[in-house]
Amino acid sequence: MVVNVSMLVYFVLYTTSVATATNVIAQISNIPMLSRTNFKAWQDTMEIVLGCMDLDLALRVEQPISTPDNLNEVKIEKWERSNRMCLMIMKHSIPEVFRGSMTESKSAKKFLEKIEQYFAMKEKSEASSLLAKIVLMKY
């Protein structure tokens, strides 16, 4: 699924009455495109932007469970909106190559955890290969 910036901005503006178009575009454009070397910076920026946009509820709180007696429909709707927006914004700043290697997730928190695990494995394998090169080097 490819999401272009104008579609994302329109959706954010349509669902958020407080944000202005310039503010949304500026905040989303501050998120660096995820690459092999900038995961930590990407994650930090993503959390800051989502927090400033008041969309980080899905990253902070587990999904509320709806029961027939549950009167927290507002909380459930707010969490679902936060989750949907987080997923859209995260997928927008991830190259298609990485998106294809990640399994589709319904939860933004789980999606972020999968990306973190992917880059942790990459970092460990790169560190072990560099260590092997250093050990095998001759002076």
Protein backbone atom coordinates (compact mmCIF):
# COMPACT_ATOMS: atom_id res chain seq x y z
CA MET A 1 0.00 0.00 0.00
CA VAL A 2 1.54 3.28 -1.09
CA VAL A 3 0.39 6.37 0.78
CA ASN A 4 1.33 9.71 -0.72
CA VAL A 5 1.84 12.80 1.42
CA SER A 6 -1.18 14.73 0.14
CA MET A 7 -3.51 11.82 0.90
CA LEU A 8 -2.01 11.44 4.37
CA VAL A 9 -2.25 15.17 5.07
CA TYR A 10 -5.86 15.24 3.88
CA PHE A 11 -6.75 12.34 6.17
CA VAL A 12 -5.00 13.89 9.18
CA LEU A 13 -6.71 17.25 8.55
CA TYR A 14 -10.06 15.60 8.02
CA THR A 15 -9.81 13.73 11.33
CA THR A 16 -8.02 16.42 13.35
CA SER A 17 -9.71 19.78 13.73
CA VAL A 18 -6.86 21.36 15.71
CA ALA A 19 -4.05 20.84 13.22
CA THR A 20 -3.40 23.10 10.26
CA ALA A 21 -2.15 21.85 6.91
CA THR A 22 1.21 23.56 7.32
CA ASN A 23 1.71 22.15 10.79
CA VAL A 24 0.88 18.59 9.72
CA ILE A 25 3.11 18.75 6.64
CA ALA A 26 5.98 20.21 8.69
CA GLN A 27 5.72 17.56 11.37
CA ILE A 28 5.45 14.65 8.94
CA SER A 29 8.31 15.97 6.80
CA ASN A 30 10.53 16.12 9.91
CA ILE A 31 10.47 12.32 10.09
CA PRO A 32 13.56 10.97 8.30
CA MET A 33 13.12 8.11 5.84
CA LEU A 34 14.11 4.90 7.59
CA SER A 35 17.38 3.42 6.38
CA ARG A 36 19.85 0.80 7.57
CA THR A 37 21.81 3.30 9.61
CA ASN A 38 19.27 5.62 11.22
CA PHE A 39 16.78 3.43 13.09
CA LYS A 40 17.29 5.08 16.49
CA ALA A 41 16.97 8.60 15.07
CA TRP A 42 13.91 7.52 13.06
CA GLN A 43 12.28 5.95 16.12
CA ASP A 44 12.97 8.97 18.34
CA THR A 45 11.64 11.41 15.74
CA MET A 46 8.59 9.23 15.09
CA GLU A 47 7.72 9.13 18.80
CA ILE A 48 8.18 12.90 19.17
CA VAL A 49 6.07 13.74 16.11
CA LEU A 50 3.29 11.32 17.05
CA GLY A 51 3.35 12.68 20.61
CA CYS A 52 3.15 16.29 19.42
CA MET A 53 0.25 15.40 17.15
CA ASP A 54 -1.43 13.62 20.11
CA LEU A 55 -1.52 10.36 18.16
CA ASP A 56 0.75 8.22 20.33
CA LEU A 57 -2.02 6.65 22.42
CA ALA A 58 -1.74 3.37 20.50
CA LEU A 59 1.99 3.25 21.27
CA ARG A 60 1.52 3.94 24.99
CA VAL A 61 -1.62 1.98 25.87
CA GLU A 62 -2.78 -1.53 25.01
CA GLN A 63 -5.95 -1.83 22.93
CA PRO A 64 -9.03 -1.41 25.12
CA ILE A 65 -11.29 -4.44 25.14
CA SER A 66 -14.90 -3.86 24.25
CA THR A 67 -17.52 -5.76 26.20
CA PRO A 68 -21.32 -5.41 26.17
CA ASP A 69 -21.14 -3.67 29.54
CA ASN A 70 -18.22 -1.48 28.52
CA LEU A 71 -19.16 2.17 28.25
CA ASN A 72 -15.71 3.24 27.04
CA GLU A 73 -16.65 3.52 23.36
CA VAL A 74 -14.97 6.93 23.21
CA LYS A 75 -11.70 5.44 24.51
CA ILE A 76 -11.92 2.59 22.00
CA GLU A 77 -12.59 4.94 19.09
CA LYS A 78 -9.75 7.26 20.17
CA TRP A 79 -7.34 4.31 20.45
CA GLU A 80 -8.40 2.94 17.04
CA ARG A 81 -7.91 6.35 15.41
CA SER A 82 -4.51 6.72 17.05
CA ASN A 83 -3.52 3.23 15.92
CA ARG A 84 -4.65 3.85 12.34
CA MET A 85 -2.85 7.18 12.11
CA CYS A 86 0.36 5.80 13.67
CA LEU A 87 0.42 2.96 11.16
CA MET A 88 -0.17 5.32 8.23
CA ILE A 89 2.56 7.74 9.30
CA MET A 90 5.07 4.97 10.08
CA LYS A 91 4.44 3.22 6.76
CA HIS A 92 4.83 6.54 4.95
CA SER A 93 8.37 6.97 6.28
CA ILE A 94 9.52 3.40 5.59
CA PRO A 95 10.88 2.46 2.16
CA GLU A 96 8.95 -0.17 0.20
CA VAL A 97 11.85 -2.61 0.63
CA PHE A 98 11.44 -2.67 4.42
CA ARG A 99 7.65 -2.66 4.23
CA GLY A 100 7.75 -5.78 2.08
CA SER A 101 9.88 -7.65 4.59
CA MET A 102 7.58 -6.78 7.53
CA THR A 103 4.44 -8.79 8.05
CA GLU A 104 1.25 -6.77 8.07
CA SER A 105 0.31 -5.77 11.59
CA LYS A 106 -2.97 -4.41 12.90
CA SER A 107 -1.29 -2.74 15.88
CA ALA A 108 1.10 0.21 15.59
CA LYS A 109 2.91 -0.87 18.76
CA LYS A 110 3.53 -4.39 17.38
CA PHE A 111 4.57 -2.96 14.01
CA LEU A 112 7.15 -0.74 15.72
CA GLU A 113 8.39 -3.70 17.78
CA LYS A 114 8.82 -5.80 14.61
CA ILE A 115 10.84 -3.04 12.98
CA GLU A 116 12.95 -2.73 16.13
CA GLN A 117 13.61 -6.50 16.16
CA TYR A 118 14.52 -6.43 12.47
CA PHE A 119 17.09 -3.69 13.00
CA ALA A 120 18.41 -5.28 16.21
CA MET A 121 19.12 -8.50 14.27
CA LYS A 122 20.76 -6.51 11.46
CA GLU A 123 22.89 -4.59 13.95
CA LYS A 124 24.03 -7.80 15.69
CA SER A 125 24.91 -9.51 12.42
CA GLU A 126 26.84 -6.46 11.19
CA ALA A 127 28.70 -6.22 14.52
CA SER A 128 29.64 -9.90 14.43
CA SER A 129 30.86 -9.66 10.82
CA LEU A 130 32.96 -6.59 11.68
CA LEU A 131 34.39 -8.37 14.70
CA ALA A 132 35.23 -11.38 12.55
CA LYS A 133 37.03 -9.10 10.06
CA ILE A 134 39.04 -7.48 12.86
CA VAL A 135 40.02 -10.86 14.32
CA LEU A 136 41.10 -12.18 10.91
CA MET A 137 43.09 -9.06 10.00
CA LYS A 138 46.83 -9.36 9.91
CA TYR A 139 49.11 -6.55 10.93
